[in-house]
C-alpha cells in the first residue's frame, strides 16, 4: 500500500467509494448527500458514479427514513445514513434506540442490522443551542450501539469501512472542524478495528485521553509541553463504545496522572466514564486527582463573545497539566506554553468553507 496525503473528508469519500464498489448492498442516503458540496466533500461525485438509487437525498423526515433504512438492513442491505447535524438525528431517536439498537438482542442474536449512521458535531457560524450539540455520550449509553469518533484521516477511512462491514448498528460521529485536517491515508480497502484506541504520542509524565477534535487539541498541547520538558502521553480513543480500557489503564499505570478531554458535557459524559474506569481499576497508581476537560452543563451559545468562554482547547489542557504536575511556570515557560487565540472562534481557520 502507498501513502498519500488526503483530507479527512477525502478519506471518508474514498471509504464510501470502495464500499459501494465492493458491495452492491451498500447505499448512501441523507440530506445533502448528492448536493454540490457533498457534506464537506465526503460524497462528491458518488451519485454520478453509482446512480441515484445507491446515492440519494432524503425528505426532511428523519424518523421515517431511519425506519426505511432499518428495514432495508434487516433484509440484507447496508445503508449509510448521513445527518449534517447530530441535532437532526434526534428526530429519529425512537427508531435508533428502540429499534436499531435492540433488534439483534430481541431476536436472540439471529437478526443482523448493518446500519451506519453518520452524525456531525461541532460549532461554527453561530449555530448555537440547537445545531451544535455534542451528544455522543447519549448514544454511548445505549446497549446495542457502537459509537465511533475518529480523529485522523487514516482512521476515518478505516473505521468507516469497518462500520459499514459491521453487522450491528454503528453511530459514526464526525466533528465538522476535522474535515479539512490532512494526513497519510493508504489506498484500497482496509479497516481499523472498532473498540481499539491508539497512542498518538508516547510520554511518561501524564496521560491525556481524548477523541475526535479534542485529540487534535491534546496533540497540540503535548507538542507545546514537550518544549519545556513535560512528556505527555496522548491516547486517541477512536471508539467510545466499546471503550478500549486496556490502553487507558496501561498508560495511567505508567504516568500516574490523567486528564480526559471531551467535546461533550461534563455530567454523565465520556470523560466521566473514562474517569470512573480508572478510579475503579487503577486508583492505586494515581499520583493526583483525575481532571475532566469538557464543555459546561449549559446549552451552546450563539454569540462569538460567549463562544470563547464556552469551548475548551489546547490551552486549557496545558493549564490543567501544569496544575496536576504542581508546576508554577516562570515567564520564560509561560511564553513557550502560551497559545495565541484565534481571531474568530466559530471557524478553525480562515480556509474553512462549510457547507454550513
Protein backbone atom coordinates (compact mmCIF):
# COMPACT_ATOMS: atom_id res chain seq x y z
CA UNK A 1 0.00 0.00 0.00
CA UNK A 2 1.22 3.53 -0.77
CA UNK A 3 0.84 6.54 1.47
CA UNK A 4 -0.85 9.67 0.21
CA UNK A 5 -1.95 12.88 1.91
CA UNK A 6 -5.72 13.27 1.98
CA UNK A 7 -8.08 15.40 3.99
CA UNK A 8 -10.42 13.78 6.49
CA UNK A 9 -13.31 14.49 4.12
CA UNK A 10 -11.50 12.95 1.15
CA UNK A 11 -10.66 9.87 3.23
CA UNK A 12 -14.33 9.37 4.07
CA UNK A 13 -15.31 9.80 0.44
CA UNK A 14 -12.78 7.12 -0.51
CA UNK A 15 -14.22 4.79 2.14
CA UNK A 16 -17.69 5.19 0.63
CA UNK A 17 -16.32 4.73 -2.88
CA UNK A 18 -14.54 1.43 -2.12
CA UNK A 19 -17.51 0.06 -0.16
CA UNK A 20 -20.03 0.98 -2.87
CA UNK A 21 -17.78 -0.67 -5.46
CA UNK A 22 -17.13 -3.78 -3.36
CA UNK A 23 -20.66 -4.50 -2.15
CA UNK A 24 -23.82 -3.77 -4.20
CA UNK A 25 -25.87 -3.86 -0.97
CA UNK A 26 -24.22 -0.67 0.30
CA UNK A 27 -26.08 2.58 -0.33
CA UNK A 28 -25.83 6.16 0.94
CA UNK A 29 -28.81 8.25 1.96
CA UNK A 30 -29.20 11.57 3.74
CA UNK A 31 -29.94 15.26 3.48
CA UNK A 32 -27.35 16.82 1.20
CA UNK A 33 -25.67 13.58 0.13
CA UNK A 34 -25.91 14.39 -3.62
CA UNK A 35 -25.68 18.18 -3.16
CA UNK A 36 -22.92 20.22 -4.90
CA UNK A 37 -20.88 20.44 -1.67
CA UNK A 38 -21.50 16.79 -0.79
CA UNK A 39 -21.38 17.12 3.03
CA UNK A 40 -17.90 18.63 3.38
CA UNK A 41 -16.89 16.87 0.15
CA UNK A 42 -17.40 13.40 1.61
CA UNK A 43 -19.92 12.29 -1.05
CA UNK A 44 -18.87 14.37 -4.08
CA UNK A 45 -19.25 12.58 -7.40
CA UNK A 46 -20.62 9.37 -5.91
CA UNK A 47 -24.18 9.89 -7.19
CA UNK A 48 -22.84 10.35 -10.72
CA UNK A 49 -20.68 7.23 -10.39
CA UNK A 50 -23.17 4.86 -8.74
CA UNK A 51 -26.55 6.32 -9.63
CA UNK A 52 -29.38 7.87 -7.66
CA UNK A 53 -30.65 4.51 -6.41
CA UNK A 54 -27.50 3.98 -4.36
CA UNK A 55 -26.51 7.56 -3.50
CA UNK A 56 -29.61 9.55 -2.71
CA UNK A 57 -31.12 12.54 -0.96
CA UNK A 58 -33.97 12.09 1.51
CA UNK A 59 -37.02 14.05 2.63
CA UNK A 60 -36.86 16.03 5.88
CA UNK A 61 -38.43 13.18 7.80
CA UNK A 62 -35.63 11.66 9.84
CA UNK A 63 -37.73 9.17 11.80
CA UNK A 64 -39.49 7.73 8.74
CA UNK A 65 -36.34 7.43 6.65
CA UNK A 66 -34.42 5.84 9.54
CA UNK A 67 -37.22 3.27 9.72
CA UNK A 68 -36.78 2.59 6.00
CA UNK A 69 -33.01 2.21 6.48
CA UNK A 70 -33.56 -0.19 9.39
CA UNK A 71 -35.98 -2.28 7.33
CA UNK A 72 -33.57 -2.45 4.41
CA UNK A 73 -30.74 -3.51 6.73
CA UNK A 74 -32.88 -6.33 8.12
CA UNK A 75 -33.27 -7.78 4.62
CA UNK A 76 -29.60 -7.61 3.68
CA UNK A 77 -28.81 -4.04 2.63
CA UNK A 78 -26.04 -2.00 4.26
CA UNK A 79 -27.28 1.59 4.44
CA UNK A 80 -25.15 4.56 5.43
CA UNK A 81 -27.42 7.34 6.66
CA UNK A 82 -25.99 10.85 6.97
CA UNK A 83 -27.10 13.74 9.17
CA UNK A 84 -25.38 17.08 8.65
CA UNK A 85 -26.03 17.72 12.32
CA UNK A 86 -26.32 15.29 15.21
CA UNK A 87 -29.20 17.50 16.29
CA UNK A 88 -31.21 16.36 13.25
CA UNK A 89 -30.76 12.70 14.20
CA UNK A 90 -32.65 13.43 17.43
CA UNK A 91 -35.83 13.36 15.33
CA UNK A 92 -35.12 9.64 14.81
CA UNK A 93 -34.27 8.80 18.43
CA UNK A 94 -37.08 6.27 18.81
CA UNK A 95 -36.04 4.40 15.67
CA UNK A 96 -32.36 4.36 16.64
CA UNK A 97 -32.76 3.42 20.31
CA UNK A 98 -35.91 1.29 20.37
CA UNK A 99 -35.47 -0.48 17.04
CA UNK A 100 -31.96 -0.42 15.59
CA UNK A 101 -30.12 -0.91 18.89
CA UNK A 102 -32.37 -3.71 20.17
CA UNK A 103 -33.20 -5.90 17.16
CA UNK A 104 -30.14 -8.16 17.49
CA UNK A 105 -30.88 -8.81 21.17
CA UNK A 106 -34.64 -9.23 20.86
CA UNK A 107 -34.25 -12.00 18.30
CA UNK A 108 -31.57 -13.97 20.14
CA UNK A 109 -28.66 -12.80 18.03
CA UNK A 110 -30.15 -14.22 14.83
CA UNK A 111 -31.13 -10.90 13.24
CA UNK A 112 -28.41 -8.66 11.79
CA UNK A 113 -28.82 -4.92 11.44
CA UNK A 114 -25.83 -3.48 9.50
CA UNK A 115 -26.73 0.21 9.65
CA UNK A 116 -24.21 3.06 9.83
CA UNK A 117 -25.49 6.47 10.90
CA UNK A 118 -23.23 9.48 10.37
CA UNK A 119 -23.73 12.40 12.74
CA UNK A 120 -21.76 15.65 12.54
CA UNK A 121 -20.99 17.59 15.71
CA UNK A 122 -19.09 20.78 16.46
CA UNK A 123 -19.53 24.50 16.46
CA UNK A 124 -19.40 27.25 13.88
CA UNK A 125 -21.02 30.36 12.47
CA UNK A 126 -23.43 30.96 15.32
CA UNK A 127 -25.06 27.52 15.18
CA UNK A 128 -25.95 27.78 18.84
CA UNK A 129 -28.05 25.58 21.13
CA UNK A 130 -29.98 23.57 18.53
CA UNK A 131 -27.32 22.99 15.88
CA UNK A 132 -24.05 22.48 17.76
CA UNK A 133 -24.74 19.83 20.37
CA UNK A 134 -22.09 17.22 21.23
CA UNK A 135 -24.33 14.43 22.48
CA UNK A 136 -22.08 11.46 21.84
CA UNK A 137 -22.45 10.28 25.46
CA UNK A 138 -26.18 9.79 24.91
CA UNK A 139 -25.55 7.16 22.22
CA UNK A 140 -22.67 5.70 24.24
CA UNK A 141 -25.20 4.94 26.97
CA UNK A 142 -27.38 2.70 24.75
CA UNK A 143 -26.70 -1.08 24.69
CA UNK A 144 -26.59 -2.39 21.14
CA UNK A 145 -24.99 0.69 19.59
CA UNK A 146 -21.34 1.08 18.71
CA UNK A 147 -20.08 4.67 18.69
CA UNK A 148 -17.05 5.68 16.63
CA UNK A 149 -15.29 9.07 16.78
CA UNK A 150 -12.04 9.02 14.73
CA UNK A 151 -9.59 11.91 14.62
CA UNK A 152 -7.14 11.18 11.78
CA UNK A 153 -7.98 10.83 8.07
CA UNK A 154 -6.48 7.32 8.03
CA UNK A 155 -8.62 6.17 10.93
CA UNK A 156 -11.68 7.91 9.46
CA UNK A 157 -11.40 5.78 6.32
CA UNK A 158 -10.56 2.55 8.14
CA UNK A 159 -13.24 2.95 10.79
CA UNK A 160 -15.89 3.91 8.24
CA UNK A 161 -15.16 0.74 6.26
CA UNK A 162 -15.27 -1.28 9.49
CA UNK A 163 -18.58 0.37 10.42
CA UNK A 164 -20.18 -0.40 7.06
CA UNK A 165 -18.99 -4.01 7.22
CA UNK A 166 -20.17 -4.48 10.82
CA UNK A 167 -23.38 -6.47 11.28
CA UNK A 168 -24.61 -4.20 14.09
CA UNK A 169 -25.67 -0.53 14.10
CA UNK A 170 -22.79 1.93 14.34
CA UNK A 171 -23.04 5.63 15.16
CA UNK A 172 -20.20 7.34 13.29
CA UNK A 173 -19.60 10.81 14.72
CA UNK A 174 -17.56 13.43 12.85
CA UNK A 175 -16.51 16.83 14.14
CA UNK A 176 -17.09 19.40 11.43
CA UNK A 177 -13.70 21.03 12.11
CA UNK A 178 -11.87 17.83 11.18
CA UNK A 179 -12.95 17.53 7.55
CA UNK A 180 -10.06 19.71 6.31
CA UNK A 181 -7.41 18.05 8.50
CA UNK A 182 -4.77 16.28 6.37
CA UNK A 183 -2.87 13.06 6.93
CA UNK A 184 -1.47 9.88 5.37
CA UNK A 185 -4.14 7.51 4.04
CA UNK A 186 -3.47 4.11 2.48
CA UNK A 187 -5.03 3.20 -0.84
CA UNK A 188 -7.51 0.38 -1.28
CA UNK A 189 -9.68 -1.39 1.25
CA UNK A 190 -8.55 -1.63 4.85
CA UNK A 191 -10.31 -1.45 8.18
CA UNK A 192 -9.45 -0.24 11.66
CA UNK A 193 -10.85 -2.39 14.49
CA UNK A 194 -13.82 -0.87 16.28
CA UNK A 195 -13.10 -0.65 20.01
CA UNK A 196 -9.33 -0.17 19.82
CA UNK A 197 -7.64 3.05 20.93
CA UNK A 198 -4.32 4.42 19.69
CA UNK A 199 -1.32 6.06 21.33
CA UNK A 200 -0.83 9.23 19.30
CA UNK A 201 2.17 10.37 21.32
CA UNK A 202 4.12 8.46 23.96
CA UNK A 203 5.02 10.05 27.28
CA UNK A 204 5.80 9.34 30.91
CA UNK A 205 4.58 12.34 32.92
CA UNK A 206 0.83 12.43 32.34
CA UNK A 207 -1.86 10.69 30.27
CA UNK A 208 -4.27 12.73 28.15
CA UNK A 209 -7.22 10.73 26.81
CA UNK A 210 -9.33 12.29 24.06
CA UNK A 211 -11.31 11.57 20.91
CA UNK A 212 -12.29 13.33 17.69
CA UNK A 213 -11.43 17.05 17.61
CA UNK A 214 -10.19 17.02 21.20
CA UNK A 215 -7.43 14.60 20.14
CA UNK A 216 -6.17 17.36 17.86
CA UNK A 217 -6.21 19.78 20.79
CA UNK A 218 -4.50 17.25 23.07
CA UNK A 219 -1.78 16.71 20.46
CA UNK A 220 -1.19 20.47 20.19
CA UNK A 221 -0.97 20.72 23.96
CA UNK A 222 1.51 17.83 24.14
CA UNK A 223 3.67 19.42 21.46
CA UNK A 224 3.88 22.69 23.42
CA UNK A 225 4.51 20.90 26.73
CA UNK A 226 7.42 18.98 25.21
CA UNK A 227 9.19 22.32 24.67
CA UNK A 228 9.52 22.69 28.45
CA UNK A 229 10.41 19.06 29.14
CA UNK A 230 6.96 17.72 30.01
CA UNK A 231 6.24 14.41 28.28
CA UNK A 232 2.50 13.83 27.87
CA UNK A 233 1.10 10.57 26.54
CA UNK A 234 -1.85 11.25 24.23
CA UNK A 235 -4.39 8.46 23.67
CA UNK A 236 -6.95 8.73 20.90
CA UNK A 237 -9.94 6.61 21.91
CA UNK A 238 -11.17 6.39 18.28
CA UNK A 239 -14.18 4.45 19.59
CA UNK A 240 -16.13 5.48 22.69
CA UNK A 241 -18.40 2.41 22.66
CA UNK A 242 -16.89 -0.10 23.23
CA UNK A 243 -14.06 1.65 25.10
CA UNK A 244 -10.52 0.33 24.97
CA UNK A 245 -9.99 0.08 28.72
CA UNK A 246 -6.65 -1.69 28.44
CA UNK A 247 -4.83 1.11 26.61
CA UNK A 248 -6.11 3.69 29.11
CA UNK A 249 -5.23 1.67 32.22
CA UNK A 250 -1.75 0.73 30.99
CA UNK A 251 -0.95 4.36 30.30
CA UNK A 252 -2.22 5.59 33.67
CA UNK A 253 -0.24 2.88 35.47
CA UNK A 254 2.85 4.30 33.76
CA UNK A 255 2.23 8.03 34.25
CA UNK A 256 0.11 8.15 37.41
CA UNK A 257 -1.85 11.15 36.19
CA UNK A 258 -4.90 11.50 33.92
CA UNK A 259 -6.69 14.24 32.04
CA UNK A 260 -9.71 13.33 29.89
CA UNK A 261 -10.70 15.85 27.20
CA UNK A 262 -14.10 15.57 25.53
CA UNK A 263 -16.21 17.94 23.44
CA UNK A 264 -19.40 16.90 25.25
CA UNK A 265 -20.92 17.96 28.55
CA UNK A 266 -19.37 17.40 31.97
CA UNK A 267 -22.15 15.49 33.75
CA UNK A 268 -22.57 11.87 32.67
CA UNK A 269 -20.23 12.30 29.73
CA UNK A 270 -17.46 10.36 28.02
CA UNK A 271 -14.88 11.97 30.30
CA UNK A 272 -16.84 10.83 33.34
CA UNK A 273 -16.92 7.23 32.10
CA UNK A 274 -13.17 7.14 31.46
CA UNK A 275 -12.51 8.69 34.86
CA UNK A 276 -14.74 6.10 36.55
CA UNK A 277 -12.93 3.21 34.86
CA UNK A 278 -9.55 4.48 36.05
CA UNK A 279 -10.84 5.21 39.55
CA UNK A 280 -12.20 1.66 39.81
CA UNK A 281 -9.33 -0.24 38.22
CA UNK A 282 -6.16 1.84 38.63
CA UNK A 283 -6.78 4.02 41.68
CA UNK A 284 -3.64 2.87 43.47
CA UNK A 285 -1.48 4.14 40.60
CA UNK A 286 -2.82 7.70 40.70
CA UNK A 287 -0.48 10.40 42.00
CA UNK A 288 -3.02 13.21 41.58
CA UNK A 289 -6.78 13.68 41.09
CA UNK A 290 -8.27 12.95 37.66
CA UNK A 291 -9.20 16.06 35.69
CA UNK A 292 -12.04 16.27 33.15
CA UNK A 293 -11.96 18.93 30.44
CA UNK A 294 -15.36 19.34 28.80
CA UNK A 295 -17.92 21.93 27.83
CA UNK A 296 -20.04 23.24 30.73
CA UNK A 297 -23.50 21.92 31.55
CA UNK A 298 -25.39 24.58 29.63
CA UNK A 299 -26.58 24.96 26.02
CA UNK A 300 -24.05 26.15 23.48
CA UNK A 301 -24.07 29.93 22.95
CA UNK A 302 -24.60 31.60 19.60
CA UNK A 303 -22.66 34.78 20.36
CA UNK A 304 -18.98 34.98 19.42
CA UNK A 305 -18.39 36.86 22.65
CA UNK A 306 -19.59 33.85 24.67
CA UNK A 307 -18.20 31.07 22.47
CA UNK A 308 -14.61 31.78 23.51
CA UNK A 309 -15.54 31.07 27.14
CA UNK A 310 -17.67 28.00 26.41
CA UNK A 311 -15.43 25.72 24.35
CA UNK A 312 -12.18 24.22 25.58
CA UNK A 313 -8.92 23.95 23.66
CA UNK A 314 -5.24 23.06 23.87
CA UNK A 315 -4.52 25.99 26.18
CA UNK A 316 -6.94 24.68 28.79
CA UNK A 317 -5.29 21.25 28.56
CA UNK A 318 -1.86 22.84 29.08
CA UNK A 319 -3.12 24.78 32.10
CA UNK A 320 -4.57 21.65 33.69
CA UNK A 321 -1.39 19.65 33.07
CA UNK A 322 0.64 22.30 34.93
CA UNK A 323 -1.78 22.15 37.86
CA UNK A 324 -1.64 18.35 38.08
CA UNK A 325 2.15 18.41 37.97
CA UNK A 326 2.17 21.25 40.50
CA UNK A 327 4.29 23.44 38.24
CA UNK A 328 4.17 27.21 38.57
CA UNK A 329 5.59 28.45 35.27
CA UNK A 330 8.08 31.30 35.15
CA UNK A 331 7.95 33.99 32.49
CA UNK A 332 10.05 32.01 30.02
CA UNK A 333 7.91 28.89 30.42
CA UNK A 334 4.73 30.91 30.08
CA UNK A 335 5.94 32.38 26.81
CA UNK A 336 6.59 28.88 25.46
CA UNK A 337 3.26 27.49 26.64
CA UNK A 338 1.02 30.39 25.65
CA UNK A 339 -1.01 29.67 22.53
CA UNK A 340 -2.29 32.64 20.58
CA UNK A 341 -6.07 32.63 20.48
CA UNK A 342 -7.70 32.63 17.02
CA UNK A 343 -9.14 35.80 15.59
CA UNK A 344 -12.51 34.09 15.16
CA UNK A 345 -13.87 31.43 17.47
CA UNK A 346 -16.52 29.95 15.18
CA UNK A 347 -14.17 28.64 12.46
CA UNK A 348 -10.95 26.63 12.90
CA UNK A 349 -9.11 28.82 10.37
CA UNK A 350 -9.83 31.23 7.56
CA UNK A 351 -9.81 28.47 4.92
CA UNK A 352 -12.92 26.85 6.42
CA UNK A 353 -15.77 26.82 3.89
CA UNK A 354 -18.58 24.80 5.37
CA UNK A 355 -21.07 23.72 3.93
CA UNK A 356 -22.62 25.47 6.94
